[in-house]
């Protein structure tokens, strides 16, 4: 049995298969699934699992080089924006929500949470550990 926090086999396999610069999306329950991008649907009910729980667990295994959020998060969901900022992720980028949805179409996969906070979405860019 695995020793790390991440127990979901599909997410663990996804992270193990990612190369430098590949991206994955962690999204709220309302973010449309990008056409052609595999979806790992974790949503059980409203708020379960939460966005931050999934993000922090993914970060326990994924080496992140950059992250992208929607501009709208800061004004509409400032508490969530502050929680993400407190993680001290490298190279923050932001773009409009519409541009975010387009960029998510280039991701290796989309992880759907049960989060119902507006703009609780992030794109994580894979880094290297050497």
Protein backbone atom coordinates (compact mmCIF):
# COMPACT_ATOMS: atom_id res chain seq x y z
CA UNK A 1 0.00 0.00 0.00
CA UNK A 2 1.18 3.53 -0.79
CA UNK A 3 2.78 5.62 1.94
CA UNK A 4 1.90 9.05 0.52
CA UNK A 5 -1.38 10.90 1.01
CA UNK A 6 -2.62 10.31 -2.54
CA UNK A 7 -4.58 7.05 -2.66
CA UNK A 8 -6.61 7.54 -5.87
CA UNK A 9 -5.09 5.16 -8.43
CA UNK A 10 -6.15 7.16 -11.49
CA UNK A 11 -4.63 10.40 -10.19
CA UNK A 12 -1.46 8.67 -9.03
CA UNK A 13 -1.05 7.04 -12.45
CA UNK A 14 -1.68 10.39 -14.16
CA UNK A 15 1.02 12.14 -12.12
CA UNK A 16 3.49 9.30 -12.72
CA UNK A 17 2.93 9.63 -16.48
CA UNK A 18 3.33 13.42 -16.68
CA UNK A 19 6.36 15.00 -18.30
CA UNK A 20 7.92 18.42 -17.92
CA UNK A 21 5.42 21.10 -18.92
CA UNK A 22 2.38 18.82 -19.03
CA UNK A 23 -0.65 20.28 -17.29
CA UNK A 24 -3.57 19.02 -15.28
CA UNK A 25 -6.71 20.83 -14.20
CA UNK A 26 -8.38 20.61 -10.82
CA UNK A 27 -11.84 22.09 -11.11
CA UNK A 28 -15.01 22.84 -9.26
CA UNK A 29 -18.25 21.03 -9.96
CA UNK A 30 -19.31 23.62 -12.55
CA UNK A 31 -16.21 23.86 -14.75
CA UNK A 32 -17.06 22.34 -18.12
CA UNK A 33 -15.04 19.26 -18.96
CA UNK A 34 -12.72 20.12 -21.85
CA UNK A 35 -13.54 18.20 -25.04
CA UNK A 36 -11.14 15.31 -25.52
CA UNK A 37 -9.51 15.63 -22.08
CA UNK A 38 -9.96 12.63 -19.78
CA UNK A 39 -11.99 13.41 -16.65
CA UNK A 40 -11.31 11.92 -13.24
CA UNK A 41 -14.62 12.67 -11.54
CA UNK A 42 -14.33 12.71 -7.76
CA UNK A 43 -17.55 14.69 -7.09
CA UNK A 44 -19.79 12.89 -4.59
CA UNK A 45 -22.07 15.67 -3.40
CA UNK A 46 -21.93 19.45 -2.98
CA UNK A 47 -18.55 20.28 -1.46
CA UNK A 48 -17.26 16.70 -1.31
CA UNK A 49 -14.44 16.41 -1.94
CA UNK A 50 -13.41 20.01 -1.54
CA UNK A 51 -11.09 21.78 -3.95
CA UNK A 52 -8.37 22.53 -1.40
CA UNK A 53 -8.29 18.94 -0.12
CA UNK A 54 -7.80 17.63 -3.65
CA UNK A 55 -5.24 20.34 -4.52
CA UNK A 56 -3.15 19.77 -1.40
CA UNK A 57 -3.22 15.99 -1.93
CA UNK A 58 -2.16 16.30 -5.58
CA UNK A 59 0.64 18.63 -4.51
CA UNK A 60 1.98 15.92 -2.21
CA UNK A 61 3.06 14.00 -5.33
CA UNK A 62 3.26 16.44 -8.24
CA UNK A 63 6.30 18.65 -8.79
CA UNK A 64 4.76 21.95 -9.91
CA UNK A 65 6.62 24.47 -12.06
CA UNK A 66 3.75 26.94 -12.58
CA UNK A 67 0.06 27.35 -11.88
CA UNK A 68 -2.76 29.23 -13.55
CA UNK A 69 -5.98 30.61 -12.05
CA UNK A 70 -8.76 32.78 -13.43
CA UNK A 71 -8.52 36.54 -12.85
CA UNK A 72 -12.06 36.46 -11.45
CA UNK A 73 -11.07 34.30 -8.48
CA UNK A 74 -9.44 37.22 -6.65
CA UNK A 75 -12.57 39.39 -6.63
CA UNK A 76 -15.31 36.72 -6.46
CA UNK A 77 -13.66 34.17 -4.13
CA UNK A 78 -10.93 36.08 -2.27
CA UNK A 79 -10.75 33.57 0.62
CA UNK A 80 -9.98 30.76 -1.81
CA UNK A 81 -7.43 32.92 -3.62
CA UNK A 82 -5.73 33.55 -0.26
CA UNK A 83 -5.65 29.81 0.53
CA UNK A 84 -3.97 29.09 -2.80
CA UNK A 85 -1.52 31.97 -2.27
CA UNK A 86 -0.62 30.53 1.15
CA UNK A 87 0.61 27.34 -0.57
CA UNK A 88 3.45 29.38 -2.16
CA UNK A 89 3.14 27.65 -5.51
CA UNK A 90 5.69 28.71 -8.12
CA UNK A 91 5.06 31.08 -11.02
CA UNK A 92 1.47 32.23 -10.63
CA UNK A 93 -0.21 33.14 -13.87
CA UNK A 94 -3.75 34.38 -14.28
CA UNK A 95 -6.07 34.86 -17.20
CA UNK A 96 -9.74 35.45 -17.84
CA UNK A 97 -12.07 32.58 -17.03
CA UNK A 98 -12.82 32.16 -20.74
CA UNK A 99 -9.10 31.90 -21.56
CA UNK A 100 -8.70 29.50 -18.61
CA UNK A 101 -11.36 27.21 -20.09
CA UNK A 102 -9.55 27.25 -23.44
CA UNK A 103 -6.19 26.51 -21.80
CA UNK A 104 -7.71 23.62 -19.87
CA UNK A 105 -8.41 21.93 -23.20
CA UNK A 106 -4.67 21.27 -23.54
CA UNK A 107 -4.41 19.45 -20.18
CA UNK A 108 -3.49 15.79 -19.78
CA UNK A 109 -6.54 15.35 -17.52
CA UNK A 110 -9.24 17.19 -15.59
CA UNK A 111 -9.93 16.29 -11.97
CA UNK A 112 -13.50 17.27 -11.05
CA UNK A 113 -14.16 17.97 -7.36
CA UNK A 114 -17.44 18.56 -5.55
CA UNK A 115 -16.43 22.16 -4.81
CA UNK A 116 -19.16 24.78 -5.24
CA UNK A 117 -17.07 27.92 -4.66
CA UNK A 118 -17.01 30.09 -7.79
CA UNK A 119 -13.76 29.93 -9.80
CA UNK A 120 -12.31 27.11 -7.68
CA UNK A 121 -10.19 25.95 -10.59
CA UNK A 122 -6.47 25.66 -11.18
CA UNK A 123 -4.13 24.46 -13.90
CA UNK A 124 -0.92 22.90 -12.59
CA UNK A 125 2.15 22.70 -14.81
CA UNK A 126 4.43 19.77 -14.15
CA UNK A 127 8.05 20.48 -13.27
CA UNK A 128 11.07 18.23 -12.89
CA UNK A 129 12.66 16.98 -9.67
CA UNK A 130 16.26 17.21 -10.87
